């Protein structure tokens, strides 16, 4: 896709996969490398009612709606919508709903989508008043200038009918138009492979009369010249592709670890609180704070502060403390974390790294920027209580279980 964008001298390109964003990061990185602006989007599935209701309404399981991230807030909101559609709205497809759109609309540009969009579907079934109401609702949700009526042309009678009705609706409601192409493969020659793929999924043979196939033509990556010719009578729809591309400026920061916030005492920073806990614990563990203890503590605390991992230490301290207070057996210390005096002093581990001459840098090395890893063993019979505590305190959307 990016090869063709370069061939056509395009300086921006959008990726709007159906219902998922699995290719977004790879697309973003490669587009940036080639000097093409990546526009991150998704053609989401939208439930006709509440996303949690697993039923068909008025013959519709879902509609399509194209969402494009205008900025970092929009990207974050798009990720939230797509994720919640998967976890809360899955019914044949991962479905969002208008409740989610209202909650996460900031920074997003919406397009009315293809024939499977709500507005086109209503128009095609003779419900013009409902289509108008839907357009007004989308415009209200996303705000002035952030909802576009989308036009496509694949040479079908349905497209021709929709084109006139959609243009009239946009004019009547003073909504902007944008021309797009329903691109599903790269070149015209790929249409047969695409049809084969569709019918493998549908368990049909390629020569079945009722096989799956797209009506019309032109579902390949059309060139700018092809698009300009198709929409020569509506130049504003072409011009608005540039308007949208100029507005979409998402910058994704890679290599940055995001740690959930830890509830701190008012006016106290994470670094200061960790320091307080470390020295408080040291005074309990050692008869006196010797120069060796103080020097090691100060060194470790300075590294932790410089690498911005104080919050991480506090979160681990919190759930280890919870376990000990509720008599849930916790291992004394496994792996490189046992080399940290701070971990020992705040009670995460029970092994004195000074006594056993353990090396802190095996756990957290200021010369190697990588996330430290606490290996903590909990009683298998009660580890579920720890997981529940962490999930409830920091949020289920911030907790994941992995295989190690």
Foldseek 3Di string as FASTA:
>chain_A
DVVVCVVLVAQEDEDAEELDQVCVVVVCVVCVVVNHHYKYKYFYWAAPDALQDQDADPNHRTATKIKTALEALLVVLRVVQSVCLVVRRDHVGSHGYVVSLLVRLPRIAMEQDDCRGPLNVCVVVPNNVVSLVVQVSVCVSNDPQRYEYEQECQPDPSSVVVVVSSVVSCVVVVHHYAYDAQADEADQVCQLVVQVVQQVVVVDDPPDPPGDHDPGGDNHDDRLVVRCVVVVVPVRNHVVVVVSRVSRDYDDDPPDDDDFADDDDPPDDLLRVLLVQLVVLVVVVDVDCDPVNVVLSVVVSVLCVVLVCSRVLVLLLVLVVVCVVVVWDKAQFDDLVLLHSSCCSNPSHVHHCVVVVRHNCRQPNSVDNDDGDGDMDTDPVCVVVSLVVSCVPRHVVNDDDDDD
